[in-house]
Amino acid sequence: MSIKTLCRNVGFLALALFIGSLLWAISSMAQQPVPSCHDFRINAKGTAGAAIAVSTVVVPIVDANTSRCRLTITNATANPVNCAETTGKYTLTPSATVGLTIPGNTILTIPTQAGQQAWSCIRQGGTDSSVTVGEDLP
């Protein structure tokens, strides 16, 4: 076998391997499920979609929804709030010292099952706050 024939065969083999890998990658991508969430609901608990006021009393900011893909809570003021999931496995009642602190002007995204639970908030300091809530939904 000549070197020219050998190089031609190796080149053909390399091309065949490349095309096979490419076809495998394309078929694998075609099998990936399309994300089911394509709608985004804002402030379902707010009056006519308005931001939700957070004061000295625990305020429910979002109901539980097992079809929700992701939950986004935005503290729309400079004043910190404490929030917690109020349904599910790790429920808490938020207070001035209990819960997940969301500093002022901060966005919290919860893409896991915790984001499917009901959440409530309370202000942390001496000044009221407001939060906005976004839900990725099917």
N, C-alpha and C. Protein backbone atom coordinates (compact mmCIF):
# COMPACT_ATOMS: atom_id res chain seq x y z
N MET A 1 0.86 -1.17 0.00
CA MET A 1 0.00 0.00 0.00
C MET A 1 0.91 1.23 0.00
N SER A 2 0.61 2.15 -0.86
CA SER A 2 1.44 3.34 -0.96
C SER A 2 1.06 4.34 0.13
N ILE A 3 1.95 5.25 0.37
CA ILE A 3 1.69 6.30 1.37
C ILE A 3 0.51 7.15 0.93
N LYS A 4 0.40 7.38 -0.36
CA LYS A 4 -0.70 8.18 -0.88
C LYS A 4 -2.05 7.50 -0.58
N THR A 5 -2.11 6.21 -0.79
CA THR A 5 -3.34 5.46 -0.51
C THR A 5 -3.63 5.43 0.99
N LEU A 6 -2.59 5.24 1.79
CA LEU A 6 -2.74 5.24 3.24
C LEU A 6 -3.28 6.57 3.74
N CYS A 7 -2.73 7.68 3.26
CA CYS A 7 -3.19 9.02 3.67
C CYS A 7 -4.64 9.23 3.25
N ARG A 8 -4.99 8.76 2.06
CA ARG A 8 -6.35 8.91 1.57
C ARG A 8 -7.31 8.11 2.48
N ASN A 9 -6.92 6.89 2.84
CA ASN A 9 -7.76 6.06 3.71
C ASN A 9 -7.90 6.67 5.11
N VAL A 10 -6.80 7.19 5.67
CA VAL A 10 -6.84 7.83 6.99
C VAL A 10 -7.71 9.08 6.93
N GLY A 11 -7.57 9.84 5.87
CA GLY A 11 -8.40 11.05 5.71
C GLY A 11 -9.87 10.71 5.62
N PHE A 12 -10.18 9.63 4.86
CA PHE A 12 -11.57 9.19 4.74
C PHE A 12 -12.10 8.73 6.09
N LEU A 13 -11.29 7.97 6.83
CA LEU A 13 -11.69 7.50 8.15
C LEU A 13 -11.95 8.67 9.10
N ALA A 14 -11.07 9.67 9.08
CA ALA A 14 -11.24 10.84 9.94
C ALA A 14 -12.52 11.60 9.58
N LEU A 15 -12.78 11.73 8.28
CA LEU A 15 -13.99 12.40 7.84
C LEU A 15 -15.23 11.61 8.26
N ALA A 16 -15.18 10.30 8.14
CA ALA A 16 -16.30 9.46 8.54
C ALA A 16 -16.55 9.57 10.05
N LEU A 17 -15.49 9.58 10.85
CA LEU A 17 -15.64 9.74 12.29
C LEU A 17 -16.22 11.10 12.64
N PHE A 18 -15.78 12.14 11.96
CA PHE A 18 -16.30 13.49 12.21
C PHE A 18 -17.78 13.55 11.89
N ILE A 19 -18.18 13.03 10.73
CA ILE A 19 -19.59 13.06 10.33
C ILE A 19 -20.43 12.23 11.30
N GLY A 20 -19.94 11.07 11.71
CA GLY A 20 -20.66 10.26 12.68
C GLY A 20 -20.86 10.97 14.00
N SER A 21 -19.80 11.63 14.48
CA SER A 21 -19.90 12.38 15.74
C SER A 21 -20.89 13.52 15.62
N LEU A 22 -20.86 14.19 14.48
CA LEU A 22 -21.78 15.31 14.25
C LEU A 22 -23.22 14.82 14.24
N LEU A 23 -23.49 13.73 13.55
CA LEU A 23 -24.85 13.18 13.52
C LEU A 23 -25.30 12.74 14.90
N TRP A 24 -24.41 12.13 15.68
CA TRP A 24 -24.75 11.73 17.03
C TRP A 24 -25.10 12.94 17.89
N ALA A 25 -24.31 14.01 17.77
CA ALA A 25 -24.56 15.22 18.56
C ALA A 25 -25.90 15.84 18.19
N ILE A 26 -26.21 15.88 16.90
CA ILE A 26 -27.48 16.46 16.46
C ILE A 26 -28.64 15.62 16.97
N SER A 27 -28.53 14.29 16.90
CA SER A 27 -29.63 13.44 17.37
C SER A 27 -29.79 13.55 18.89
N SER A 28 -28.69 13.73 19.61
CA SER A 28 -28.78 13.90 21.07
C SER A 28 -29.49 15.20 21.42
N MET A 29 -29.17 16.27 20.69
CA MET A 29 -29.82 17.56 20.96
C MET A 29 -31.30 17.51 20.62
N ALA A 30 -31.65 16.76 19.60
CA ALA A 30 -33.05 16.65 19.21
C ALA A 30 -33.86 15.94 20.28
N GLN A 31 -33.23 15.12 21.11
CA GLN A 31 -33.93 14.38 22.15
C GLN A 31 -34.09 15.19 23.43
N GLN A 32 -33.42 16.32 23.55
CA GLN A 32 -33.53 17.14 24.75
C GLN A 32 -34.93 17.74 24.82
N PRO A 33 -35.58 17.69 25.97
CA PRO A 33 -36.93 18.25 26.06
C PRO A 33 -36.89 19.77 25.94
N VAL A 34 -37.89 20.30 25.29
CA VAL A 34 -38.03 21.74 25.17
C VAL A 34 -38.51 22.27 26.51
N PRO A 35 -37.92 23.34 27.04
CA PRO A 35 -38.39 23.87 28.32
C PRO A 35 -39.90 24.13 28.26
N SER A 36 -40.58 23.69 29.30
CA SER A 36 -42.04 23.79 29.29
C SER A 36 -42.54 25.16 29.74
N CYS A 37 -41.69 25.96 30.34
CA CYS A 37 -42.15 27.27 30.81
C CYS A 37 -41.91 28.33 29.76
N HIS A 38 -42.98 29.03 29.42
CA HIS A 38 -42.87 30.08 28.41
C HIS A 38 -43.68 31.32 28.76
N ASP A 39 -44.37 31.30 29.88
CA ASP A 39 -45.12 32.47 30.34
C ASP A 39 -44.48 33.03 31.60
N PHE A 40 -44.67 34.31 31.82
CA PHE A 40 -44.09 34.97 32.99
C PHE A 40 -45.17 35.82 33.64
N ARG A 41 -45.59 35.43 34.85
CA ARG A 41 -46.62 36.17 35.57
C ARG A 41 -45.96 37.06 36.61
N ILE A 42 -46.45 38.28 36.74
CA ILE A 42 -45.86 39.26 37.65
C ILE A 42 -46.88 39.65 38.71
N ASN A 43 -46.44 39.58 39.97
CA ASN A 43 -47.22 40.07 41.12
C ASN A 43 -48.66 39.59 41.16
N ALA A 44 -48.85 38.28 41.12
CA ALA A 44 -50.21 37.73 41.18
C ALA A 44 -50.90 38.12 42.48
N LYS A 45 -50.15 38.32 43.57
CA LYS A 45 -50.73 38.71 44.86
C LYS A 45 -50.87 40.23 45.00
N GLY A 46 -50.26 40.98 44.11
CA GLY A 46 -50.35 42.44 44.16
C GLY A 46 -51.66 42.91 43.54
N THR A 47 -52.17 44.02 44.02
CA THR A 47 -53.40 44.57 43.48
C THR A 47 -53.16 45.01 42.04
N ALA A 48 -53.88 44.40 41.10
CA ALA A 48 -53.76 44.69 39.67
C ALA A 48 -52.31 44.60 39.20
N GLY A 49 -51.55 43.68 39.78
CA GLY A 49 -50.16 43.47 39.35
C GLY A 49 -49.15 44.43 39.96
N ALA A 50 -49.60 45.24 40.93
CA ALA A 50 -48.69 46.21 41.55
C ALA A 50 -47.72 45.52 42.50
N ALA A 51 -46.64 46.21 42.85
CA ALA A 51 -45.69 45.70 43.84
C ALA A 51 -46.42 45.41 45.14
N ILE A 52 -45.90 44.48 45.91
CA ILE A 52 -46.54 44.04 47.14
C ILE A 52 -45.88 44.74 48.33
N ALA A 53 -46.68 45.47 49.11
CA ALA A 53 -46.16 46.19 50.28
C ALA A 53 -45.79 45.20 51.37
N VAL A 54 -44.62 45.42 51.98
CA VAL A 54 -44.13 44.57 53.06
C VAL A 54 -43.90 45.45 54.27
N SER A 55 -44.56 45.09 55.37
CA SER A 55 -44.49 45.92 56.57
C SER A 55 -44.17 45.04 57.78
N THR A 56 -44.77 45.36 58.93
CA THR A 56 -44.46 44.67 60.19
C THR A 56 -45.24 43.37 60.37
N VAL A 57 -46.16 43.07 59.47
CA VAL A 57 -46.96 41.85 59.52
C VAL A 57 -46.52 40.96 58.36
N VAL A 58 -46.43 39.65 58.59
CA VAL A 58 -46.04 38.73 57.52
C VAL A 58 -47.03 38.83 56.36
N VAL A 59 -46.49 39.01 55.16
CA VAL A 59 -47.30 39.19 53.96
C VAL A 59 -47.05 38.03 53.00
N PRO A 60 -48.10 37.27 52.64
CA PRO A 60 -47.92 36.25 51.60
C PRO A 60 -47.65 36.94 50.26
N ILE A 61 -46.57 36.54 49.61
CA ILE A 61 -46.22 37.21 48.34
C ILE A 61 -46.47 36.32 47.12
N VAL A 62 -46.56 34.99 47.33
CA VAL A 62 -46.84 34.10 46.21
C VAL A 62 -47.41 32.79 46.76
N ASP A 63 -48.41 32.24 46.08
CA ASP A 63 -48.99 30.96 46.47
C ASP A 63 -48.15 29.81 45.94
N ALA A 64 -48.31 28.64 46.52
CA ALA A 64 -47.63 27.44 46.02
C ALA A 64 -48.15 27.11 44.63
N ASN A 65 -47.26 26.62 43.77
CA ASN A 65 -47.63 26.24 42.42
C ASN A 65 -46.61 25.22 41.92
N THR A 66 -46.98 23.95 41.88
CA THR A 66 -46.03 22.90 41.52
C THR A 66 -45.64 22.92 40.05
N SER A 67 -46.33 23.67 39.23
CA SER A 67 -45.93 23.76 37.82
C SER A 67 -44.97 24.92 37.56
N ARG A 68 -44.71 25.73 38.57
CA ARG A 68 -43.81 26.88 38.39
C ARG A 68 -42.38 26.37 38.18
N CYS A 69 -41.71 26.90 37.17
CA CYS A 69 -40.33 26.50 36.86
C CYS A 69 -39.31 27.31 37.67
N ARG A 70 -39.62 28.56 37.92
CA ARG A 70 -38.67 29.42 38.62
C ARG A 70 -39.45 30.57 39.25
N LEU A 71 -38.95 30.99 40.41
CA LEU A 71 -39.55 32.11 41.14
C LEU A 71 -38.50 33.20 41.28
N THR A 72 -38.91 34.42 41.01
CA THR A 72 -38.01 35.57 41.17
C THR A 72 -38.65 36.56 42.13
N ILE A 73 -37.93 36.89 43.19
CA ILE A 73 -38.40 37.89 44.17
C ILE A 73 -37.45 39.06 44.10
N THR A 74 -37.98 40.24 43.89
CA THR A 74 -37.17 41.45 43.83
C THR A 74 -37.57 42.39 44.95
N ASN A 75 -36.59 42.77 45.77
CA ASN A 75 -36.83 43.80 46.78
C ASN A 75 -36.69 45.13 46.06
N ALA A 76 -37.81 45.81 45.85
CA ALA A 76 -37.84 47.02 45.03
C ALA A 76 -37.51 48.29 45.79
N THR A 77 -37.12 48.18 47.04
CA THR A 77 -36.76 49.36 47.83
C THR A 77 -35.36 49.18 48.41
N ALA A 78 -34.88 50.20 49.09
CA ALA A 78 -33.56 50.12 49.72
C ALA A 78 -33.61 49.41 51.08
N ASN A 79 -34.80 49.10 51.55
CA ASN A 79 -34.97 48.52 52.88
C ASN A 79 -34.99 46.99 52.81
N PRO A 80 -34.19 46.29 53.63
CA PRO A 80 -34.15 44.83 53.56
C PRO A 80 -35.44 44.18 54.04
N VAL A 81 -35.71 42.99 53.47
CA VAL A 81 -36.85 42.18 53.91
C VAL A 81 -36.35 40.78 54.22
N ASN A 82 -37.08 40.07 55.05
CA ASN A 82 -36.83 38.65 55.32
C ASN A 82 -37.98 37.86 54.72
N CYS A 83 -37.65 36.84 53.94
CA CYS A 83 -38.67 36.02 53.29
C CYS A 83 -38.38 34.55 53.58
N ALA A 84 -39.42 33.74 53.48
CA ALA A 84 -39.26 32.31 53.69
C ALA A 84 -40.38 31.56 52.99
N GLU A 85 -40.08 30.30 52.64
CA GLU A 85 -41.13 29.46 52.09
C GLU A 85 -42.06 29.06 53.23
N THR A 86 -43.34 29.16 52.99
CA THR A 86 -44.32 28.91 54.04
C THR A 86 -45.12 27.64 53.78
N THR A 87 -44.76 26.89 52.74
CA THR A 87 -45.28 25.55 52.51
C THR A 87 -44.09 24.70 52.10
N GLY A 88 -44.26 23.40 52.10
CA GLY A 88 -43.18 22.52 51.68
C GLY A 88 -42.42 21.94 52.86
N LYS A 89 -41.26 21.40 52.58
CA LYS A 89 -40.49 20.65 53.57
C LYS A 89 -39.84 21.54 54.63
N TYR A 90 -39.38 22.73 54.26
CA TYR A 90 -38.63 23.58 55.19
C TYR A 90 -39.36 24.90 55.45
N THR A 91 -40.54 24.81 55.99
CA THR A 91 -41.33 26.01 56.21
C THR A 91 -40.81 26.83 57.39
N LEU A 92 -40.92 28.10 57.24
CA LEU A 92 -40.58 29.06 58.30
C LEU A 92 -41.61 30.16 58.29
N THR A 93 -41.74 30.81 59.42
CA THR A 93 -42.53 32.03 59.48
C THR A 93 -41.53 33.17 59.55
N PRO A 94 -41.44 33.99 58.51
CA PRO A 94 -40.44 35.06 58.54
C PRO A 94 -40.74 36.07 59.64
N SER A 95 -39.68 36.61 60.19
CA SER A 95 -39.78 37.68 61.19
C SER A 95 -38.63 38.64 60.94
N ALA A 96 -38.47 39.60 61.80
CA ALA A 96 -37.37 40.56 61.64
C ALA A 96 -36.01 39.88 61.74
N THR A 97 -35.98 38.69 62.36
CA THR A 97 -34.70 37.98 62.52
C THR A 97 -34.69 36.59 61.89
N VAL A 98 -35.81 36.14 61.34
CA VAL A 98 -35.90 34.80 60.77
C VAL A 98 -36.25 34.90 59.28
N GLY A 99 -35.58 34.09 58.48
CA GLY A 99 -35.87 34.04 57.05
C GLY A 99 -34.64 34.39 56.24
N LEU A 100 -34.82 34.36 54.96
CA LEU A 100 -33.76 34.70 54.03
C LEU A 100 -33.78 36.21 53.80
N THR A 101 -32.71 36.88 54.19
CA THR A 101 -32.65 38.33 54.04
C THR A 101 -32.41 38.69 52.58
N ILE A 102 -33.28 39.52 52.04
CA ILE A 102 -33.08 40.05 50.70
C ILE A 102 -32.77 41.54 50.88
N PRO A 103 -31.50 41.91 50.68
CA PRO A 103 -31.13 43.31 50.84
C PRO A 103 -31.91 44.21 49.87
N GLY A 104 -31.87 45.49 50.13
CA GLY A 104 -32.56 46.44 49.27
C GLY A 104 -32.06 46.37 47.83
N ASN A 105 -33.00 46.58 46.90
CA ASN A 105 -32.70 46.62 45.47
C ASN A 105 -31.95 45.38 45.00
N THR A 106 -32.42 44.21 45.45
CA THR A 106 -31.77 42.94 45.13
C THR A 106 -32.79 41.98 44.53
N ILE A 107 -32.33 41.19 43.57
CA ILE A 107 -33.16 40.18 42.93
C ILE A 107 -32.72 38.80 43.40
N LEU A 108 -33.67 37.99 43.84
CA LEU A 108 -33.42 36.62 44.27
C LEU A 108 -34.15 35.70 43.30
N THR A 109 -33.42 34.76 42.68
CA THR A 109 -34.03 33.80 41.77
C THR A 109 -33.94 32.41 42.39
N ILE A 110 -35.07 31.71 42.42
CA ILE A 110 -35.13 30.38 43.02
C ILE A 110 -35.61 29.41 41.94
N PRO A 111 -34.68 28.68 41.31
CA PRO A 111 -35.06 27.82 40.19
C PRO A 111 -35.39 26.39 40.58
N THR A 112 -35.42 26.07 41.84
CA THR A 112 -35.61 24.69 42.27
C THR A 112 -37.01 24.48 42.81
N GLN A 113 -37.24 23.30 43.41
CA GLN A 113 -38.54 22.99 43.97
C GLN A 113 -38.95 24.00 45.05
N ALA A 114 -37.98 24.59 45.73
CA ALA A 114 -38.31 25.62 46.72
C ALA A 114 -39.06 26.78 46.07
N GLY A 115 -38.78 27.03 44.80
CA GLY A 115 -39.47 28.08 44.07
C GLY A 115 -40.92 27.75 43.76
N GLN A 116 -41.32 26.50 43.99
CA GLN A 116 -42.71 26.10 43.76
C GLN A 116 -43.57 26.26 45.01
N GLN A 117 -42.94 26.59 46.13
CA GLN A 117 -43.67 26.71 47.40
C GLN A 117 -44.28 28.10 47.54
N ALA A 118 -45.17 28.24 48.52
CA ALA A 118 -45.68 29.56 48.88
C ALA A 118 -44.60 30.29 49.66
N TRP A 119 -44.47 31.59 49.44
CA TRP A 119 -43.48 32.40 50.13
C TRP A 119 -44.15 33.61 50.76
N SER A 120 -43.61 34.04 51.91
CA SER A 120 -44.09 35.23 52.60
C SER A 120 -42.89 36.06 53.02
N CYS A 121 -43.12 37.35 53.24
CA CYS A 121 -42.04 38.26 53.65
C CYS A 121 -42.51 39.19 54.75
N ILE A 122 -41.55 39.77 55.43
CA ILE A 122 -41.77 40.81 56.44
C ILE A 122 -40.60 41.77 56.37
N ARG A 123 -40.84 43.01 56.72
CA ARG A 123 -39.71 43.96 56.68
C ARG A 123 -38.72 43.61 57.79
N GLN A 124 -37.46 43.92 57.56
CA GLN A 124 -36.43 43.60 58.54
C GLN A 124 -36.17 44.77 59.48
N GLY A 125 -36.21 45.95 58.98
CA GLY A 125 -35.88 47.11 59.80
C GLY A 125 -37.10 47.94 60.15
N GLY A 126 -36.89 49.22 60.34
CA GLY A 126 -37.95 50.11 60.78
C GLY A 126 -38.73 50.77 59.66
N THR A 127 -38.42 50.45 58.41
CA THR A 127 -39.09 51.11 57.29
C THR A 127 -39.72 50.06 56.38
N ASP A 128 -40.94 50.36 55.93
CA ASP A 128 -41.64 49.43 55.04
C ASP A 128 -40.88 49.26 53.73
N SER A 129 -41.16 48.14 53.07
CA SER A 129 -40.54 47.80 51.79
C SER A 129 -41.62 47.38 50.81
N SER A 130 -41.21 47.10 49.61
CA SER A 130 -42.12 46.46 48.66
C SER A 130 -41.32 45.50 47.82
N VAL A 131 -41.99 44.41 47.45
CA VAL A 131 -41.34 43.39 46.63
C VAL A 131 -42.18 43.16 45.38
N THR A 132 -41.49 42.72 44.35
CA THR A 132 -42.18 42.25 43.15
C THR A 132 -41.84 40.78 42.97
N VAL A 133 -42.78 40.05 42.41
CA VAL A 133 -42.62 38.61 42.25
C VAL A 133 -42.87 38.23 40.80
N GLY A 134 -41.95 37.46 40.24
CA GLY A 134 -42.13 36.95 38.89
C GLY A 134 -42.14 35.44 38.92
N GLU A 135 -43.05 34.85 38.14
CA GLU A 135 -43.17 33.39 38.10
C GLU A 135 -43.03 32.92 36.66
N ASP A 136 -42.09 32.02 36.40
CA ASP A 136 -42.01 31.36 35.09
C ASP A 136 -42.98 30.20 35.11
N LEU A 137 -43.94 30.22 34.18
CA LEU A 137 -45.01 29.24 34.18
C LEU A 137 -45.16 28.58 32.81
N PRO A 138 -45.74 27.36 32.80
CA PRO A 138 -46.00 26.72 31.51
C PRO A 138 -47.11 27.42 30.75
